[in-house]
Structures are given as structure tokens and as C-alpha cells.
Amino acid sequence: MQAKLIRIGNSQGVRLPKAFIEQAGLTDRLDIIVSGDAVVIRSSKRPREDWDLAAEACRRLGEDHLRDWDATTGDFEGAWS
């Protein structure tokens, strides 16, 4: 599909067909990046959106032990004295 840039105030924009928006699963919040000669538009993830899934995966793999947090205790003591 080809499209034209349209004027929106002092900016320009592109109208996306509803079918494209639905197929891509776009939401109200978008991330827009330039990659080479392309502009990529995708739904913006909320911070920590998938943390529950990552925590569950860690639990299943047995990688959810807090003892790892103690490994750095004291590493920086006196560093700024």
C-alpha cells in the first residue's frame, strides 16, 4: 500500500487503515523509531509489563533465590571515603 503525508498543523502524518492498526495490535501509545531508511511504529509497552511472566519463568527454572543479592554486599564499602 502506498500513502501520502498529510498536513497536521505544523507537522505531517500518515493515515493508517483500521485493518493495519488491528493486524499490528496498535494501541493508543506508540513507539516510533527510525531504522535506516524506515520509520517503525509499534505499540508502546508499559514499564514492567511482562515482569510477572519473567518472574514466573525464573521460579520454574529455580532462579528465584534471593541469596544472589548478597553477592555484592560490601563491594563498595569505603569506595568514597
Foldseek 3Di string as FASTA:
>chain_A
DDWDWDDDPPDTDTDDDPVVCVVQVADPAWDWDDDPPDIDIHHDDDVCNCVVVVQVVCVVVVNPDPVVVCPCVPVCVPVVD
